[in-house]
Amino acid sequence: MNWLQTKNSLPQAISLFAGAGIGDKGFESAGFRFCLHNEIEADRAALIVTNFPNSCVIQGDILEREREILSTVPNLLGQEELFAAIATPPCQGMSQNGLGTLLKNVRQGLRPELDPRNRLILPALRIAAALRPKWVIFENVSRMSNTVIQDETGGLAPILDLIPEYLGNDYIGEAKVVEFADYGVPQRRQRLIAIYSRLPEARQILQAGGSLIPPPTHDQSGRCGLPRWITVKDAIGNFPFLDGKTAATARDPRLFLHHVPVLDSKKYEWIRHTPENESAFNNQCINPKCGFDQNPTHGSSRDCSGINRANRDTPLYCIKCGALLPRPYTREKNGQLRIMRGYTSAYKRMSWNQPAPTLTKNLSFPCSDRKIHPSQNRVLSLAEACKLHTISDFDYKWGPIATGERQFKQAPDSLVRDAIGESIPPRFMYLLGQHLLAISTGKAVARRTQAVQLELFAL
């Protein structure tokens, strides 16, 4: 009997560096069952327990729990084979420098400082190599392709070179930077997806010119008959109105998580005068007797070290009438005001007609990168963030959770915000799961063969 047709069982997966299990919820919805999760943070692990009650959740450092994971998984599987191992190692230490520059510095003895967090992929690779799942999936920031780490022999190697080295010749795979807006996620978010498999069907797909990553479902311009990217307006345009001026206007009790922080009076004024898709740093004169709209706008330039820095000479006062502009400022010790230092995309509104920018753990702070609502005077609510991240399209619960002796009916806002910022949108993982099932059953191979035959016929 085909293993996918086994009664009373679904193909099983494990998740390492699982965060709050948000992406895993999409993979589960595609037809899988998670038998084990590993996550170091207790509050994230508590959310996993809530959302995956049948999974064995091993909370703790993977370096300390590696043996426990390796001994537990076979007992959980019984006679079944592990379908997938999914891992999202920490990304804070990933390098922004070019891979060639890093290796050149190593060869010249100018070895760069290597972040030890990058080596956390090694226990994940050891676990995958020992358990031999049908599929191994790594997800991380695109900078992962430029990251060099110290391997277990003391040598230096690019992370992506180590994956096939650890897994062995039985596995074949690919690594590709994916734009999640291409998959129906109303958010611009790019991640490197590395997928390896030991199935002959996967090898046939790659040898036939196909991909282990699912084909896009959407396109920025609507090419190839695909629908256009889903915009902010498409996703949250009908959410109830909120305003960050007062506690009463900053909350709508009818909708779970639809509330925002109250803004102080200065920030509220800066935001109130900011047009859609613009930064408050570019606001013009609001003096009713002047209204001059040609004050120089904010920008950035590279200093002598080649570092891109925001300009410090952006005017804070109208050059025509001298009135204070509604631009972000700070007060010096001598009482004088100066333009606030920061990225030029700070205090910037989103555009209704584009997907949202990447939702980070700072999504509730107006000074973060393009986090202000397109037209209302506030940041996004957590309910809107869940919609833009496609969490609300799946059965994900924010409570109750228990961490230690503490019980919560629902996760604190700070945990919700962090969990969203750390996670992969579950819609992509749902599509990925469907795609891997199609490959595993030969359906994707058949579709690819038919497509190649049609291309040859057309020639």
Protein backbone atom coordinates (compact mmCIF):
# COMPACT_ATOMS: atom_id res chain seq x y z
CA MET A 1 0.00 0.00 0.00
CA ASN A 2 1.26 3.48 -0.86
CA TRP A 3 2.43 5.21 2.32
CA LEU A 4 0.21 8.20 1.49
CA GLN A 5 -2.83 5.92 1.55
CA THR A 6 -2.17 4.43 4.98
CA LYS A 7 -5.35 4.43 7.03
CA ASN A 8 -5.57 6.48 10.21
CA SER A 9 -2.31 8.23 9.39
CA LEU A 10 -1.03 11.32 7.66
CA PRO A 11 2.53 11.85 6.41
CA GLN A 12 4.51 13.07 9.39
CA ALA A 13 6.89 15.97 9.81
CA ILE A 14 9.13 17.55 12.43
CA SER A 15 9.85 21.25 12.87
CA LEU A 16 13.14 22.60 14.26
CA PHE A 17 13.57 26.22 15.35
CA ALA A 18 9.80 26.18 15.09
CA GLY A 19 9.06 29.64 16.51
CA ALA A 20 5.36 29.76 17.30
CA GLY A 21 4.53 27.17 14.63
CA ILE A 22 2.76 29.67 12.37
CA GLY A 23 4.19 28.39 9.08
CA ASP A 24 3.70 24.83 10.28
CA LYS A 25 -0.04 25.44 10.50
CA GLY A 26 -0.11 25.93 6.70
CA PHE A 27 1.93 22.77 6.15
CA GLU A 28 -0.42 20.85 8.43
CA SER A 29 -3.45 22.13 6.49
CA ALA A 30 -1.95 20.71 3.29
CA GLY A 31 -2.36 17.21 4.72
CA PHE A 32 0.41 16.53 7.24
CA ARG A 33 0.79 15.75 10.91
CA PHE A 34 3.59 17.12 13.03
CA CYS A 35 4.92 14.55 15.45
CA LEU A 36 7.61 16.77 17.01
CA HIS A 37 8.52 20.43 17.42
CA ASN A 38 11.66 21.96 18.89
CA GLU A 39 11.79 25.60 19.98
CA ILE A 40 14.10 27.33 22.45
CA GLU A 41 11.72 30.07 23.66
CA ALA A 42 9.15 28.97 26.24
CA ASP A 43 6.41 31.38 25.14
CA ARG A 44 6.66 30.31 21.48
CA ALA A 45 6.67 26.67 22.57
CA ALA A 46 3.51 27.33 24.58
CA LEU A 47 1.76 28.51 21.42
CA ILE A 48 2.88 25.35 19.65
CA VAL A 49 1.32 23.24 22.42
CA THR A 50 -1.96 25.12 21.92
CA ASN A 51 -1.97 24.72 18.14
CA PHE A 52 -0.44 21.25 17.80
CA PRO A 53 -1.79 19.26 20.76
CA ASN A 54 -0.68 15.94 19.24
CA SER A 55 2.92 17.01 18.68
CA CYS A 56 5.73 16.23 21.10
CA VAL A 57 7.09 19.69 21.92
CA ILE A 58 10.71 19.66 23.09
CA GLN A 59 11.41 23.12 24.44
CA GLY A 60 15.04 24.11 24.77
CA ASP A 61 18.34 24.71 22.99
CA ILE A 62 18.71 22.35 20.04
CA LEU A 63 22.37 21.81 20.96
CA GLU A 64 21.29 20.46 24.33
CA ARG A 65 18.25 18.57 23.02
CA GLU A 66 19.73 17.04 19.87
CA ARG A 67 20.08 13.53 21.33
CA GLU A 68 16.60 13.69 22.81
CA ILE A 69 15.15 14.64 19.43
CA LEU A 70 17.03 11.82 17.68
CA SER A 71 15.84 9.22 20.19
CA THR A 72 12.24 10.49 20.35
CA VAL A 73 11.33 10.77 16.67
CA PRO A 74 11.72 7.04 15.79
CA ASN A 75 9.50 6.10 18.72
CA LEU A 76 6.86 8.54 17.53
CA LEU A 77 7.00 7.28 13.94
CA GLY A 78 6.77 3.58 14.69
CA GLN A 79 6.86 1.76 11.35
CA GLU A 80 6.31 4.92 9.33
CA GLU A 81 8.93 6.95 7.52
CA LEU A 82 9.46 10.62 8.26
CA PHE A 83 8.09 12.69 5.40
CA ALA A 84 9.70 16.09 6.11
CA ALA A 85 12.10 17.87 8.42
CA ILE A 86 11.57 21.63 8.42
CA ALA A 87 14.13 23.98 9.95
CA THR A 88 14.33 27.75 10.27
CA PRO A 89 17.65 28.48 12.00
CA PRO A 90 18.19 31.95 13.55
CA CYS A 91 18.85 34.63 10.95
CA GLN A 92 20.23 37.48 13.09
CA GLY A 93 23.81 36.56 12.27
CA MET A 94 23.43 36.12 8.53
CA SER A 95 25.96 38.16 6.57
CA GLN A 96 25.04 41.05 4.31
CA ASN A 97 28.47 40.97 2.66
CA GLY A 98 29.20 39.24 -0.61
CA LEU A 99 30.31 35.61 -0.38
CA GLY A 100 33.32 36.31 -2.57
CA THR A 101 34.48 39.11 -0.26
CA LEU A 102 34.16 36.88 2.80
CA LEU A 103 36.19 34.06 1.28
CA LYS A 104 38.80 36.50 -0.03
CA ASN A 105 39.24 37.93 3.47
CA VAL A 106 39.64 34.41 4.86
CA ARG A 107 42.31 33.54 2.30
CA GLN A 108 44.19 36.77 3.03
CA GLY A 109 44.15 36.13 6.73
CA LEU A 110 41.62 38.93 7.33
CA ARG A 111 39.11 36.53 8.80
CA PRO A 112 35.82 38.26 9.59
CA GLU A 113 34.04 37.87 12.88
CA LEU A 114 31.79 34.83 12.49
CA ASP A 115 28.49 34.88 14.35
CA PRO A 116 28.16 31.64 16.36
CA ARG A 117 24.38 31.64 15.84
CA ASN A 118 24.93 30.76 12.19
CA ARG A 119 26.38 27.39 13.27
CA LEU A 120 23.01 26.34 14.68
CA ILE A 121 22.23 24.90 11.28
CA LEU A 122 24.74 22.13 12.02
CA PRO A 123 22.64 20.24 14.61
CA ALA A 124 19.66 20.54 12.25
CA LEU A 125 21.76 18.99 9.49
CA ARG A 126 22.94 16.22 11.81
CA ILE A 127 19.36 15.45 12.78
CA ALA A 128 18.20 15.40 9.15
CA ALA A 129 21.11 13.18 8.11
CA ALA A 130 20.33 10.72 10.92
CA LEU A 131 16.55 10.58 10.46
CA ARG A 132 16.67 10.58 6.63
CA PRO A 133 13.28 12.17 5.93
CA LYS A 134 11.93 12.10 2.41
CA TRP A 135 12.18 15.89 2.33
CA VAL A 136 14.46 18.39 4.09
CA ILE A 137 13.37 22.04 4.03
CA PHE A 138 15.37 25.02 5.23
CA GLU A 139 13.87 28.51 5.32
CA ASN A 140 15.84 31.65 6.07
CA VAL A 141 16.58 35.18 4.96
CA SER A 142 18.08 35.56 1.49
CA ARG A 143 21.43 36.51 3.09
CA MET A 144 21.83 32.84 3.99
CA SER A 145 23.33 32.31 0.52
CA ASN A 146 26.16 34.70 1.46
CA THR A 147 26.91 33.22 4.85
CA VAL A 148 30.11 31.38 5.72
CA ILE A 149 30.35 29.32 8.91
CA GLN A 150 32.94 27.21 10.66
CA ASP A 151 32.15 23.55 10.13
CA GLU A 152 32.77 20.73 12.58
CA THR A 153 36.34 20.22 11.32
CA GLY A 154 37.27 23.83 11.96
CA GLY A 155 37.21 24.79 8.30
CA LEU A 156 35.12 27.53 6.74
CA ALA A 157 32.38 26.79 4.24
CA PRO A 158 29.29 28.45 2.76
CA ILE A 159 26.15 27.20 4.51
CA LEU A 160 24.52 26.10 1.25
CA ASP A 161 27.52 23.91 0.43
CA LEU A 162 27.16 22.08 3.72
CA ILE A 163 23.57 20.95 3.16
CA PRO A 164 24.28 18.37 0.40
CA GLU A 165 27.55 17.45 2.13
CA TYR A 166 25.71 16.39 5.29
CA LEU A 167 22.71 14.80 3.57
CA GLY A 168 24.76 12.70 1.14
CA ASN A 169 24.45 11.71 -2.49
CA ASP A 170 21.00 10.19 -2.07
CA TYR A 171 19.57 13.68 -1.79
CA ILE A 172 19.08 16.19 -4.56
CA GLY A 173 17.77 19.71 -4.19
CA GLU A 174 17.83 23.39 -4.91
CA ALA A 175 17.88 26.72 -3.11
CA LYS A 176 15.94 29.71 -4.37
CA VAL A 177 14.94 33.16 -3.12
CA VAL A 178 11.14 33.27 -3.06
CA GLU A 179 8.93 36.37 -3.10
CA PHE A 180 5.85 35.48 -1.07
CA ALA A 181 3.70 38.08 -2.84
CA ASP A 182 3.97 35.70 -5.83
CA TYR A 183 2.03 33.16 -3.78
CA GLY A 184 -1.01 35.19 -2.85
CA VAL A 185 0.44 36.70 0.32
CA PRO A 186 -0.48 40.43 0.51
CA GLN A 187 3.02 41.25 1.71
CA ARG A 188 6.42 41.78 0.09
CA ARG A 189 8.59 39.26 1.90
CA GLN A 190 11.55 37.41 0.44
CA ARG A 191 13.13 34.30 1.92
CA LEU A 192 15.62 31.68 0.78
CA ILE A 193 13.98 28.27 0.51
CA ALA A 194 16.33 25.29 0.28
CA ILE A 195 14.62 21.93 -0.45
CA TYR A 196 16.29 18.52 -0.70
CA SER A 197 14.75 15.10 -1.28
CA ARG A 198 15.85 11.48 -1.64
CA LEU A 199 12.79 10.51 -3.69
CA PRO A 200 13.34 9.46 -7.34
CA GLU A 201 10.31 11.58 -8.28
CA ALA A 202 12.13 14.69 -7.04
CA ARG A 203 15.20 13.82 -9.09
CA GLN A 204 13.01 13.37 -12.18
CA ILE A 205 11.42 16.79 -11.61
CA LEU A 206 14.78 18.55 -11.40
CA GLN A 207 16.28 16.64 -14.32
CA ALA A 208 13.24 17.56 -16.41
CA GLY A 209 13.82 21.25 -15.68
CA GLY A 210 11.13 21.55 -13.02
CA SER A 211 11.39 22.86 -9.49
CA LEU A 212 10.81 21.49 -6.03
CA ILE A 213 9.38 24.90 -5.13
CA PRO A 214 5.73 25.36 -6.15
CA PRO A 215 4.95 27.56 -9.15
CA PRO A 216 3.74 31.10 -8.38
CA THR A 217 0.02 31.65 -8.09
CA HIS A 218 0.19 35.44 -8.58
CA ASP A 219 2.25 37.95 -10.56
CA GLN A 220 3.06 41.62 -10.02
CA SER A 221 1.77 42.59 -13.46
CA GLY A 222 -0.69 39.76 -14.03
CA ARG A 223 1.48 38.01 -16.61
CA CYS A 224 0.95 34.43 -17.85
CA GLY A 225 -2.72 34.65 -16.97
CA LEU A 226 -2.01 34.85 -13.24
CA PRO A 227 -3.94 37.22 -10.98
CA ARG A 228 -2.07 40.30 -9.83
CA TRP A 229 -0.49 40.58 -6.41
CA ILE A 230 -2.97 40.99 -3.57
CA THR A 231 -2.81 44.55 -2.25
CA VAL A 232 -3.20 46.04 1.20
CA LYS A 233 -6.60 47.36 0.12
CA ASP A 234 -7.69 43.92 -1.07
CA ALA A 235 -6.72 42.40 2.25
CA ILE A 236 -7.65 44.94 4.93
CA GLY A 237 -9.56 47.68 3.13
CA ASN A 238 -12.80 46.73 4.90
CA PHE A 239 -11.43 46.55 8.44
CA PRO A 240 -13.20 48.83 10.97
CA PHE A 241 -11.79 52.33 11.31
CA LEU A 242 -9.27 53.03 14.08
CA ASP A 243 -7.41 56.17 15.12
CA GLY A 244 -4.33 56.39 17.30
CA LYS A 245 -5.29 59.67 18.98
CA THR A 246 -7.15 58.31 22.02
CA ALA A 247 -7.69 55.00 23.82
CA ALA A 248 -11.36 55.06 22.78
CA THR A 249 -10.62 55.44 19.07
CA ALA A 250 -7.63 53.06 19.06
CA ARG A 251 -9.70 49.93 19.72
CA ASP A 252 -12.66 48.11 18.21
CA PRO A 253 -13.88 45.48 20.69
CA ARG A 254 -15.93 43.73 18.02
CA LEU A 255 -12.86 42.32 16.29
CA PHE A 256 -10.22 40.25 18.06
CA LEU A 257 -6.75 41.89 18.05
CA HIS A 258 -8.05 44.96 16.24
CA HIS A 259 -6.43 47.63 18.39
CA VAL A 260 -3.41 49.89 18.07
CA PRO A 261 -1.09 51.86 20.37
CA VAL A 262 -2.13 55.39 21.28
CA LEU A 263 0.26 57.91 19.73
CA ASP A 264 1.71 60.85 21.60
CA SER A 265 0.57 64.22 20.32
CA LYS A 266 3.76 64.96 18.35
CA LYS A 267 3.79 61.66 16.48
CA TYR A 268 0.08 61.94 15.82
CA GLU A 269 0.58 65.32 14.13
CA TRP A 270 3.48 64.06 12.06
CA ILE A 271 1.40 61.11 10.86
CA ARG A 272 -1.81 63.08 10.39
CA HIS A 273 -0.19 65.28 7.76
CA THR A 274 1.56 62.43 5.92
CA PRO A 275 0.07 61.42 2.52
CA GLU A 276 -0.27 57.82 1.40
CA ASN A 277 3.02 56.16 0.42
CA GLU A 278 4.97 59.12 1.79
CA SER A 279 7.24 59.71 4.76
CA ALA A 280 6.53 62.25 7.49
CA PHE A 281 10.08 63.47 6.89
CA ASN A 282 8.79 64.98 3.62
CA ASN A 283 5.77 66.81 5.06
CA GLN A 284 5.30 70.37 3.88
CA CYS A 285 4.22 73.61 5.55
CA ILE A 286 0.84 73.51 7.33
CA ASN A 287 0.79 77.21 8.21
CA PRO A 288 -2.58 78.27 6.70
CA LYS A 289 -1.07 81.63 5.73
CA CYS A 290 1.78 79.96 3.86
CA GLY A 291 1.22 76.37 2.73
CA PHE A 292 4.54 76.30 0.89
CA ASP A 293 5.02 72.81 -0.59
CA GLN A 294 8.52 73.06 -2.05
CA ASN A 295 10.58 72.55 1.10
CA PRO A 296 13.47 70.13 0.40
CA THR A 297 12.55 66.53 1.13
CA HIS A 298 14.48 64.01 3.15
CA GLY A 299 17.06 61.69 1.66
CA SER A 300 20.28 59.84 2.29
CA SER A 301 23.82 59.79 0.99
CA ARG A 302 26.94 57.73 1.47
CA ASP A 303 29.60 59.00 3.83
CA CYS A 304 33.36 58.71 3.30
CA SER A 305 33.23 55.12 4.58
CA GLY A 306 30.62 54.17 2.01
CA ILE A 307 27.86 53.83 4.60
CA ASN A 308 24.44 55.08 3.54
CA ARG A 309 23.20 57.60 6.12
CA ALA A 310 20.14 59.81 6.32
CA ASN A 311 20.80 63.47 5.59
CA ARG A 312 21.11 65.73 8.62
CA ASP A 313 20.46 69.01 6.80
CA THR A 314 16.82 68.29 5.91
CA PRO A 315 14.95 71.45 6.94
CA LEU A 316 12.73 71.28 9.99
CA TYR A 317 11.35 74.78 9.45
CA CYS A 318 9.61 76.11 6.34
CA ILE A 319 12.17 77.92 4.22
CA LYS A 320 9.54 80.46 3.21
CA CYS A 321 7.70 81.40 6.42
CA GLY A 322 9.88 79.78 9.11
CA ALA A 323 7.03 77.75 10.65
CA LEU A 324 7.83 74.38 12.23
CA LEU A 325 7.15 71.61 9.72
CA PRO A 326 5.26 68.48 10.88
CA ARG A 327 8.38 66.38 10.49
CA PRO A 328 9.92 63.98 13.04
CA TYR A 329 12.21 65.90 15.34
CA THR A 330 14.03 65.60 18.63
CA ARG A 331 15.01 68.21 21.18
CA GLU A 332 18.65 68.84 21.99
CA LYS A 333 19.93 69.49 25.52
CA ASN A 334 20.11 73.20 24.70
CA GLY A 335 16.41 73.19 23.86
CA GLN A 336 16.85 73.47 20.10
CA LEU A 337 15.00 71.15 17.75
CA ARG A 338 16.69 69.10 15.05
CA ILE A 339 15.48 66.63 12.43
CA MET A 340 15.31 63.11 13.84
CA ARG A 341 17.99 60.70 12.73
CA GLY A 342 16.85 57.47 11.18
CA TYR A 343 16.04 55.65 7.97
CA THR A 344 14.30 57.63 5.27
CA SER A 345 11.51 55.04 5.26
CA ALA A 346 10.69 55.71 8.93
CA TYR A 347 7.30 57.27 9.72
CA LYS A 348 6.17 56.29 6.26
CA ARG A 349 2.69 55.24 5.17
CA MET A 350 1.99 52.10 3.20
CA SER A 351 0.37 52.16 -0.21
CA TRP A 352 -3.18 50.86 -0.63
CA ASN A 353 -2.36 49.56 -4.11
CA GLN A 354 0.66 47.43 -3.27
CA PRO A 355 1.27 44.46 -0.97
CA ALA A 356 2.39 45.46 2.50
CA PRO A 357 6.11 45.75 3.19
CA THR A 358 7.71 42.96 5.21
CA LEU A 359 6.04 42.66 8.60
CA THR A 360 8.79 42.60 11.21
CA LYS A 361 8.77 42.37 14.98
CA ASN A 362 8.60 46.19 14.92
CA LEU A 363 5.32 46.28 13.03
CA SER A 364 3.58 48.22 15.84
CA PHE A 365 6.09 51.08 15.85
CA PRO A 366 5.51 54.04 13.49
CA CYS A 367 9.23 54.77 13.37
CA SER A 368 9.86 51.37 11.80
CA ASP A 369 10.16 50.82 8.06
CA ARG A 370 6.85 51.73 6.29
CA LYS A 371 4.57 50.57 9.07
CA ILE A 372 1.92 53.33 9.08
CA HIS A 373 -1.60 52.58 7.82
CA PRO A 374 -2.18 53.90 4.26
CA SER A 375 -4.86 56.43 5.25
CA GLN A 376 -5.70 56.20 8.96
CA ASN A 377 -3.58 57.87 11.64
CA ARG A 378 -2.06 54.78 13.22
CA VAL A 379 0.02 51.69 12.71
CA LEU A 380 -1.46 48.35 11.69
CA SER A 381 -3.51 46.42 14.20
CA LEU A 382 -2.45 42.88 15.02
CA ALA A 383 -5.67 41.66 13.40
CA GLU A 384 -4.64 43.36 10.16
CA ALA A 385 -1.14 41.94 10.48
CA CYS A 386 -2.60 38.44 10.82
CA LYS A 387 -4.57 38.99 7.62
CA LEU A 388 -1.56 40.37 5.70
CA HIS A 389 0.51 37.41 6.91
CA THR A 390 -2.32 34.96 5.96
CA ILE A 391 -2.50 33.65 9.55
CA SER A 392 -6.20 34.42 9.77
CA ASP A 393 -6.82 32.15 6.76
CA PHE A 394 -5.87 29.16 8.92
CA ASP A 395 -7.02 27.76 12.24
CA TYR A 396 -4.29 29.33 14.35
CA LYS A 397 -5.06 30.11 18.00
CA TRP A 398 -3.39 32.77 20.15
CA GLY A 399 -4.45 31.15 23.40
CA PRO A 400 -4.87 29.88 25.94
CA ILE A 401 -1.16 29.38 26.67
CA ALA A 402 0.81 28.36 29.72
CA THR A 403 4.45 29.25 30.37
CA GLY A 404 5.76 27.79 33.58
CA GLU A 405 3.25 28.55 36.33
CA ARG A 406 1.71 31.45 34.40
CA GLN A 407 -1.54 31.01 32.49
CA PHE A 408 -2.84 33.39 29.82
CA LYS A 409 -6.22 33.38 28.09
CA GLN A 410 -4.41 34.72 25.06
CA ALA A 411 -0.88 35.62 24.11
CA PRO A 412 0.32 39.14 25.03
CA ASP A 413 0.45 41.61 22.16
CA SER A 414 4.25 41.62 22.28
CA LEU A 415 4.34 37.85 21.72
CA VAL A 416 1.83 38.03 18.87
CA ARG A 417 3.89 40.77 17.21
CA ASP A 418 7.18 38.88 17.63
CA ALA A 419 5.70 35.61 16.43
CA ILE A 420 4.39 37.23 13.25
CA GLY A 421 7.69 38.95 12.53
CA GLU A 422 9.67 35.75 12.96
CA SER A 423 7.48 33.45 10.90
CA ILE A 424 6.93 32.32 7.34
CA PRO A 425 3.44 33.04 5.95
CA PRO A 426 1.39 29.84 6.33
CA ARG A 427 -0.16 30.23 2.87
CA PHE A 428 3.21 29.57 1.24
CA MET A 429 3.81 26.54 3.44
CA TYR A 430 0.35 25.24 2.52
CA LEU A 431 1.18 25.52 -1.20
CA LEU A 432 4.60 23.98 -0.61
CA GLY A 433 3.05 21.04 1.21
CA GLN A 434 0.60 20.43 -1.62
CA HIS A 435 3.44 20.61 -4.14
CA LEU A 436 5.60 18.11 -2.27
CA LEU A 437 2.68 15.69 -1.99
CA ALA A 438 2.09 15.98 -5.74
CA ILE A 439 5.75 15.22 -6.44
CA SER A 440 5.79 12.33 -3.98
CA THR A 441 2.81 10.65 -5.66
CA GLY A 442 4.17 11.19 -9.17
CA LYS A 443 1.44 13.63 -10.14
CA ALA A 444 3.84 16.55 -10.52
CA VAL A 445 6.19 14.41 -12.63
CA ALA A 446 3.33 13.54 -14.95
CA ARG A 447 2.31 17.18 -15.28
CA ARG A 448 5.91 18.21 -16.02
CA THR A 449 6.31 15.45 -18.65
CA GLN A 450 3.09 16.56 -20.33
CA ALA A 451 4.27 20.18 -20.34
CA VAL A 452 7.61 19.22 -21.95
CA GLN A 453 5.80 17.19 -24.61
CA LEU A 454 3.56 20.15 -25.43
CA GLU A 455 6.62 22.42 -25.71
CA LEU A 456 8.30 19.99 -28.09
CA PHE A 457 5.10 19.66 -30.14
CA ALA A 458 4.92 23.46 -30.42
CA LEU A 459 8.46 23.54 -31.82
